[in-house]
Amino acid sequence: MVTRWGNDAPPYREASSKIITTFLMTMRTTPYYYFGDELGMRNIKLNNIEDYRDIQSINMYQKIIKMAT
């Protein structure tokens, strides 16, 4: 959630995570976390497709390249 709605730059990551979690816990609905939020994981940005080890990402990349040609 920090990557999407907060600021995941190193100086602000912890404060953003805390304020988003505080807000989430004050809402009237059942609070829930997305995958990895409880661990403080964030979205990574890799420069090359070769750096990814996720099969779904690699397959989608190949599909998009094939559609573009």
PDB file of N, CA and C in Angstrom:
ATOM      1  N   MET A   1       0.813  -1.181   0.000  1.00  0.00           N
ATOM      2  CA  MET A   1       0.000   0.000   0.000  1.00  0.00           C
ATOM      3  C   MET A   1       0.863   1.254   0.000  1.00  0.00           C
ATOM      4  N   VAL A   2       2.025   1.177   0.589  1.00  0.00           N
ATOM      5  CA  VAL A   2       2.895   2.356   0.643  1.00  0.00           C
ATOM      6  C   VAL A   2       3.321   2.761  -0.759  1.00  0.00           C
ATOM      7  N   THR A   3       3.619   1.802  -1.596  1.00  0.00           N
ATOM      8  CA  THR A   3       4.057   2.118  -2.948  1.00  0.00           C
ATOM      9  C   THR A   3       2.949   2.799  -3.733  1.00  0.00           C
ATOM     10  N   ARG A   4       1.712   2.391  -3.482  1.00  0.00           N
ATOM     11  CA  ARG A   4       0.603   2.948  -4.240  1.00  0.00           C
ATOM     12  C   ARG A   4       0.089   4.270  -3.675  1.00  0.00           C
ATOM     13  N   TRP A   5      -0.118   4.348  -2.364  1.00  0.00           N
ATOM     14  CA  TRP A   5      -0.744   5.522  -1.767  1.00  0.00           C
ATOM     15  C   TRP A   5       0.195   6.352  -0.903  1.00  0.00           C
ATOM     16  N   GLY A   6       1.367   5.873  -0.639  1.00  0.00           N
ATOM     17  CA  GLY A   6       2.309   6.610   0.197  1.00  0.00           C
ATOM     18  C   GLY A   6       3.532   7.012  -0.589  1.00  0.00           C
ATOM     19  N   ASN A   7       4.592   7.262   0.124  1.00  0.00           N
ATOM     20  CA  ASN A   7       5.864   7.618  -0.489  1.00  0.00           C
ATOM     21  C   ASN A   7       6.876   6.563  -0.046  1.00  0.00           C
ATOM     22  N   ASP A   8       7.330   5.732  -0.994  1.00  0.00           N
ATOM     23  CA  ASP A   8       8.248   4.658  -0.614  1.00  0.00           C
ATOM     24  C   ASP A   8       9.712   5.028  -0.771  1.00  0.00           C
ATOM     25  N   ALA A   9       9.994   6.325  -0.879  1.00  0.00           N
ATOM     26  CA  ALA A   9      11.393   6.769  -0.855  1.00  0.00           C
ATOM     27  C   ALA A   9      11.950   6.472   0.540  1.00  0.00           C
ATOM     28  N   PRO A  10      13.202   6.074   0.642  1.00  0.00           N
ATOM     29  CA  PRO A  10      13.758   5.651   1.937  1.00  0.00           C
ATOM     30  C   PRO A  10      13.496   6.583   3.120  1.00  0.00           C
ATOM     31  N   PRO A  11      13.580   7.908   2.977  1.00  0.00           N
ATOM     32  CA  PRO A  11      13.349   8.739   4.173  1.00  0.00           C
ATOM     33  C   PRO A  11      11.897   8.749   4.647  1.00  0.00           C
ATOM     34  N   TYR A  12      10.945   8.428   3.749  1.00  0.00           N
ATOM     35  CA  TYR A  12       9.526   8.546   4.078  1.00  0.00           C
ATOM     36  C   TYR A  12       8.796   7.216   4.183  1.00  0.00           C
ATOM     37  N   ARG A  13       9.446   6.121   3.847  1.00  0.00           N
ATOM     38  CA  ARG A  13       8.783   4.816   3.785  1.00  0.00           C
ATOM     39  C   ARG A  13       8.159   4.411   5.118  1.00  0.00           C
ATOM     40  N   GLU A  14       8.917   4.508   6.193  1.00  0.00           N
ATOM     41  CA  GLU A  14       8.407   4.081   7.495  1.00  0.00           C
ATOM     42  C   GLU A  14       7.245   4.953   7.954  1.00  0.00           C
ATOM     43  N   ALA A  15       7.376   6.256   7.822  1.00  0.00           N
ATOM     44  CA  ALA A  15       6.292   7.157   8.241  1.00  0.00           C
ATOM     45  C   ALA A  15       5.040   6.948   7.400  1.00  0.00           C
ATOM     46  N   SER A  16       5.207   6.749   6.082  1.00  0.00           N
ATOM     47  CA  SER A  16       4.059   6.495   5.218  1.00  0.00           C
ATOM     48  C   SER A  16       3.360   5.203   5.606  1.00  0.00           C
ATOM     49  N   SER A  17       4.128   4.173   5.878  1.00  0.00           N
ATOM     50  CA  SER A  17       3.549   2.892   6.270  1.00  0.00           C
ATOM     51  C   SER A  17       2.764   3.015   7.567  1.00  0.00           C
ATOM     52  N   LYS A  18       3.329   3.732   8.528  1.00  0.00           N
ATOM     53  CA  LYS A  18       2.649   3.886   9.820  1.00  0.00           C
ATOM     54  C   LYS A  18       1.348   4.666   9.700  1.00  0.00           C
ATOM     55  N   ILE A  19       1.338   5.739   8.936  1.00  0.00           N
ATOM     56  CA  ILE A  19       0.133   6.546   8.822  1.00  0.00           C
ATOM     57  C   ILE A  19      -0.945   5.822   8.022  1.00  0.00           C
ATOM     58  N   ILE A  20      -0.552   5.086   6.994  1.00  0.00           N
ATOM     59  CA  ILE A  20      -1.535   4.327   6.220  1.00  0.00           C
ATOM     60  C   ILE A  20      -2.127   3.214   7.073  1.00  0.00           C
ATOM     61  N   THR A  21      -1.299   2.522   7.851  1.00  0.00           N
ATOM     62  CA  THR A  21      -1.800   1.467   8.739  1.00  0.00           C
ATOM     63  C   THR A  21      -2.709   2.051   9.813  1.00  0.00           C
ATOM     64  N   THR A  22      -2.338   3.192  10.371  1.00  0.00           N
ATOM     65  CA  THR A  22      -3.184   3.850  11.378  1.00  0.00           C
ATOM     66  C   THR A  22      -4.538   4.203  10.777  1.00  0.00           C
ATOM     67  N   PHE A  23      -4.535   4.759   9.585  1.00  0.00           N
ATOM     68  CA  PHE A  23      -5.787   5.097   8.920  1.00  0.00           C
ATOM     69  C   PHE A  23      -6.612   3.850   8.644  1.00  0.00           C
ATOM     70  N   LEU A  24      -5.972   2.799   8.178  1.00  0.00           N
ATOM     71  CA  LEU A  24      -6.671   1.556   7.877  1.00  0.00           C
ATOM     72  C   LEU A  24      -7.346   0.979   9.120  1.00  0.00           C
ATOM     73  N   MET A  25      -6.676   1.044  10.254  1.00  0.00           N
ATOM     74  CA  MET A  25      -7.226   0.491  11.490  1.00  0.00           C
ATOM     75  C   MET A  25      -8.364   1.334  12.070  1.00  0.00           C
ATOM     76  N   THR A  26      -8.504   2.594  11.641  1.00  0.00           N
ATOM     77  CA  THR A  26      -9.579   3.438  12.147  1.00  0.00           C
ATOM     78  C   THR A  26     -10.835   3.384  11.283  1.00  0.00           C
ATOM     79  N   MET A  27     -10.777   2.697  10.171  1.00  0.00           N
ATOM     80  CA  MET A  27     -11.939   2.607   9.289  1.00  0.00           C
ATOM     81  C   MET A  27     -12.976   1.654   9.876  1.00  0.00           C
ATOM     82  N   ARG A  28     -14.209   1.801   9.474  1.00  0.00           N
ATOM     83  CA  ARG A  28     -15.302   1.015  10.042  1.00  0.00           C
ATOM     84  C   ARG A  28     -15.350  -0.416   9.508  1.00  0.00           C
ATOM     85  N   THR A  29     -14.730  -0.683   8.412  1.00  0.00           N
ATOM     86  CA  THR A  29     -14.767  -2.027   7.820  1.00  0.00           C
ATOM     87  C   THR A  29     -13.683  -2.915   8.424  1.00  0.00           C
ATOM     88  N   THR A  30     -13.656  -4.153   8.005  1.00  0.00           N
ATOM     89  CA  THR A  30     -12.625  -5.078   8.459  1.00  0.00           C
ATOM     90  C   THR A  30     -11.297  -4.714   7.798  1.00  0.00           C
ATOM     91  N   PRO A  31     -10.278  -4.421   8.582  1.00  0.00           N
ATOM     92  CA  PRO A  31      -8.989  -4.063   7.976  1.00  0.00           C
ATOM     93  C   PRO A  31      -8.312  -5.286   7.361  1.00  0.00           C
ATOM     94  N   TYR A  32      -7.652  -5.090   6.270  1.00  0.00           N
ATOM     95  CA  TYR A  32      -6.895  -6.168   5.641  1.00  0.00           C
ATOM     96  C   TYR A  32      -5.661  -5.592   4.978  1.00  0.00           C
ATOM     97  N   TYR A  33      -4.682  -6.431   4.790  1.00  0.00           N
ATOM     98  CA  TYR A  33      -3.443  -6.047   4.130  1.00  0.00           C
ATOM     99  C   TYR A  33      -3.338  -6.758   2.795  1.00  0.00           C
ATOM    100  N   TYR A  34      -2.681  -6.101   1.856  1.00  0.00           N
ATOM    101  CA  TYR A  34      -2.349  -6.754   0.602  1.00  0.00           C
ATOM    102  C   TYR A  34      -1.132  -7.645   0.823  1.00  0.00           C
ATOM    103  N   PHE A  35      -0.820  -8.454  -0.146  1.00  0.00           N
ATOM    104  CA  PHE A  35       0.297  -9.378  -0.038  1.00  0.00           C
ATOM    105  C   PHE A  35       1.597  -8.634   0.236  1.00  0.00           C
ATOM    106  N   GLY A  36       2.249  -8.949   1.351  1.00  0.00           N
ATOM    107  CA  GLY A  36       3.547  -8.383   1.674  1.00  0.00           C
ATOM    108  C   GLY A  36       3.510  -7.105   2.486  1.00  0.00           C
ATOM    109  N   ASP A  37       2.347  -6.477   2.620  1.00  0.00           N
ATOM    110  CA  ASP A  37       2.285  -5.231   3.385  1.00  0.00           C
ATOM    111  C   ASP A  37       2.658  -5.430   4.843  1.00  0.00           C
ATOM    112  N   GLU A  38       2.291  -6.574   5.402  1.00  0.00           N
ATOM    113  CA  GLU A  38       2.604  -6.817   6.810  1.00  0.00           C
ATOM    114  C   GLU A  38       4.101  -6.963   7.042  1.00  0.00           C
ATOM    115  N   LEU A  39       4.846  -7.247   5.982  1.00  0.00           N
ATOM    116  CA  LEU A  39       6.298  -7.387   6.085  1.00  0.00           C
ATOM    117  C   LEU A  39       7.033  -6.122   5.678  1.00  0.00           C
ATOM    118  N   GLY A  40       6.302  -5.144   5.205  1.00  0.00           N
ATOM    119  CA  GLY A  40       6.934  -3.918   4.739  1.00  0.00           C
ATOM    120  C   GLY A  40       7.518  -4.042   3.351  1.00  0.00           C
ATOM    121  N   MET A  41       7.037  -5.017   2.571  1.00  0.00           N
ATOM    122  CA  MET A  41       7.545  -5.180   1.211  1.00  0.00           C
ATOM    123  C   MET A  41       7.047  -4.026   0.344  1.00  0.00           C
ATOM    124  N   ARG A  42       7.779  -3.743  -0.703  1.00  0.00           N
ATOM    125  CA  ARG A  42       7.378  -2.692  -1.627  1.00  0.00           C
ATOM    126  C   ARG A  42       7.564  -3.189  -3.048  1.00  0.00           C
ATOM    127  N   ASN A  43       6.964  -2.489  -3.984  1.00  0.00           N
ATOM    128  CA  ASN A  43       7.126  -2.859  -5.386  1.00  0.00           C
ATOM    129  C   ASN A  43       8.525  -2.490  -5.843  1.00  0.00           C
ATOM    130  N   ILE A  44       9.152  -3.404  -6.531  1.00  0.00           N
ATOM    131  CA  ILE A  44      10.491  -3.127  -7.027  1.00  0.00           C
ATOM    132  C   ILE A  44      10.411  -2.685  -8.478  1.00  0.00           C
ATOM    133  N   LYS A  45      11.381  -1.949  -8.898  1.00  0.00           N
ATOM    134  CA  LYS A  45      11.434  -1.476 -10.274  1.00  0.00           C
ATOM    135  C   LYS A  45      12.760  -1.921 -10.868  1.00  0.00           C
ATOM    136  N   LEU A  46      12.708  -2.937 -11.703  1.00  0.00           N
ATOM    137  CA  LEU A  46      13.911  -3.451 -12.344  1.00  0.00           C
ATOM    138  C   LEU A  46      14.015  -2.860 -13.745  1.00  0.00           C
ATOM    139  N   ASN A  47      15.222  -2.689 -14.219  1.00  0.00           N
ATOM    140  CA  ASN A  47      15.443  -2.038 -15.510  1.00  0.00           C
ATOM    141  C   ASN A  47      15.340  -2.988 -16.696  1.00  0.00           C
ATOM    142  N   ASN A  48      15.708  -4.253 -16.524  1.00  0.00           N
ATOM    143  CA  ASN A  48      15.716  -5.210 -17.635  1.00  0.00           C
ATOM    144  C   ASN A  48      14.799  -6.380 -17.316  1.00  0.00           C
ATOM    145  N   ILE A  49      14.189  -6.941 -18.348  1.00  0.00           N
ATOM    146  CA  ILE A  49      13.325  -8.106 -18.156  1.00  0.00           C
ATOM    147  C   ILE A  49      14.150  -9.303 -17.679  1.00  0.00           C
ATOM    148  N   GLU A  50      15.441  -9.325 -17.992  1.00  0.00           N
ATOM    149  CA  GLU A  50      16.307 -10.422 -17.560  1.00  0.00           C
ATOM    150  C   GLU A  50      16.476 -10.446 -16.035  1.00  0.00           C
ATOM    151  N   ASP A  51      16.223  -9.317 -15.388  1.00  0.00           N
ATOM    152  CA  ASP A  51      16.354  -9.247 -13.933  1.00  0.00           C
ATOM    153  C   ASP A  51      15.167  -9.885 -13.202  1.00  0.00           C
ATOM    154  N   TYR A  52      14.063 -10.073 -13.898  1.00  0.00           N
ATOM    155  CA  TYR A  52      12.875 -10.664 -13.285  1.00  0.00           C
ATOM    156  C   TYR A  52      12.989 -12.183 -13.271  1.00  0.00           C
ATOM    157  N   ARG A  53      12.478 -12.780 -12.199  1.00  0.00           N
ATOM    158  CA  ARG A  53      12.436 -14.243 -12.106  1.00  0.00           C
ATOM    159  C   ARG A  53      10.998 -14.736 -11.985  1.00  0.00           C
ATOM    160  N   ASP A  54      10.040 -13.855 -12.231  1.00  0.00           N
ATOM    161  CA  ASP A  54       8.637 -14.182 -12.136  1.00  0.00           C
ATOM    162  C   ASP A  54       8.129 -14.646 -13.496  1.00  0.00           C
ATOM    163  N   ILE A  55       7.619 -15.852 -13.563  1.00  0.00           N
ATOM    164  CA  ILE A  55       7.199 -16.441 -14.837  1.00  0.00           C
ATOM    165  C   ILE A  55       6.066 -15.647 -15.462  1.00  0.00           C
ATOM    166  N   GLN A  56       5.117 -15.200 -14.654  1.00  0.00           N
ATOM    167  CA  GLN A  56       3.993 -14.437 -15.195  1.00  0.00           C
ATOM    168  C   GLN A  56       4.465 -13.124 -15.820  1.00  0.00           C
ATOM    169  N   SER A  57       5.390 -12.442 -15.175  1.00  0.00           N
ATOM    170  CA  SER A  57       5.911 -11.188 -15.724  1.00  0.00           C
ATOM    171  C   SER A  57       6.659 -11.428 -17.037  1.00  0.00           C
ATOM    172  N   ILE A  58       7.456 -12.462 -17.087  1.00  0.00           N
ATOM    173  CA  ILE A  58       8.211 -12.777 -18.301  1.00  0.00           C
ATOM    174  C   ILE A  58       7.276 -13.147 -19.441  1.00  0.00           C
ATOM    175  N   ASN A  59       6.260 -13.965 -19.146  1.00  0.00           N
ATOM    176  CA  ASN A  59       5.294 -14.357 -20.183  1.00  0.00           C
ATOM    177  C   ASN A  59       4.503 -13.154 -20.684  1.00  0.00           C
ATOM    178  N   MET A  60       4.088 -12.269 -19.795  1.00  0.00           N
ATOM    179  CA  MET A  60       3.347 -11.076 -20.207  1.00  0.00           C
ATOM    180  C   MET A  60       4.234 -10.165 -21.045  1.00  0.00           C
ATOM    181  N   TYR A  61       5.490 -10.030 -20.685  1.00  0.00           N
ATOM    182  CA  TYR A  61       6.433  -9.224 -21.455  1.00  0.00           C
ATOM    183  C   TYR A  61       6.566  -9.780 -22.877  1.00  0.00           C
ATOM    184  N   GLN A  62       6.728 -11.091 -22.992  1.00  0.00           N
ATOM    185  CA  GLN A  62       6.847 -11.711 -24.312  1.00  0.00           C
ATOM    186  C   GLN A  62       5.568 -11.547 -25.128  1.00  0.00           C
ATOM    187  N   LYS A  63       4.428 -11.624 -24.485  1.00  0.00           N
ATOM    188  CA  LYS A  63       3.153 -11.447 -25.162  1.00  0.00           C
ATOM    189  C   LYS A  63       3.019 -10.021 -25.691  1.00  0.00           C
ATOM    190  N   ILE A  64       3.402  -9.039 -24.894  1.00  0.00           N
ATOM    191  CA  ILE A  64       3.321  -7.639 -25.311  1.00  0.00           C
ATOM    192  C   ILE A  64       4.287  -7.370 -26.457  1.00  0.00           C
ATOM    193  N   ILE A  65       5.481  -7.917 -26.392  1.00  0.00           N
ATOM    194  CA  ILE A  65       6.464  -7.745 -27.481  1.00  0.00           C
ATOM    195  C   ILE A  65       5.922  -8.372 -28.762  1.00  0.00           C
ATOM    196  N   LYS A  66       5.315  -9.539 -28.635  1.00  0.00           N
ATOM    197  CA  LYS A  66       4.778 -10.218 -29.817  1.00  0.00           C
ATOM    198  C   LYS A  66       3.630  -9.421 -30.437  1.00  0.00           C
ATOM    199  N   MET A  67       2.786  -8.820 -29.593  1.00  0.00           N
ATOM    200  CA  MET A  67       1.673  -8.014 -30.105  1.00  0.00           C
ATOM    201  C   MET A  67       2.161  -6.729 -30.768  1.00  0.00           C
ATOM    202  N   ALA A  68       3.286  -6.196 -30.306  1.00  0.00           N
ATOM    203  CA  ALA A  68       3.807  -4.943 -30.853  1.00  0.00           C
ATOM    204  C   ALA A  68       4.459  -5.137 -32.214  1.00  0.00           C
ATOM    205  N   THR A  69       4.851  -6.350 -32.520  1.00  0.00           N
ATOM    206  CA  THR A  69       5.520  -6.576 -33.825  1.00  0.00           C
ATOM    207  C   THR A  69       4.581  -7.068 -34.865  1.00  0.00           C
TER     208      THR A  69
END
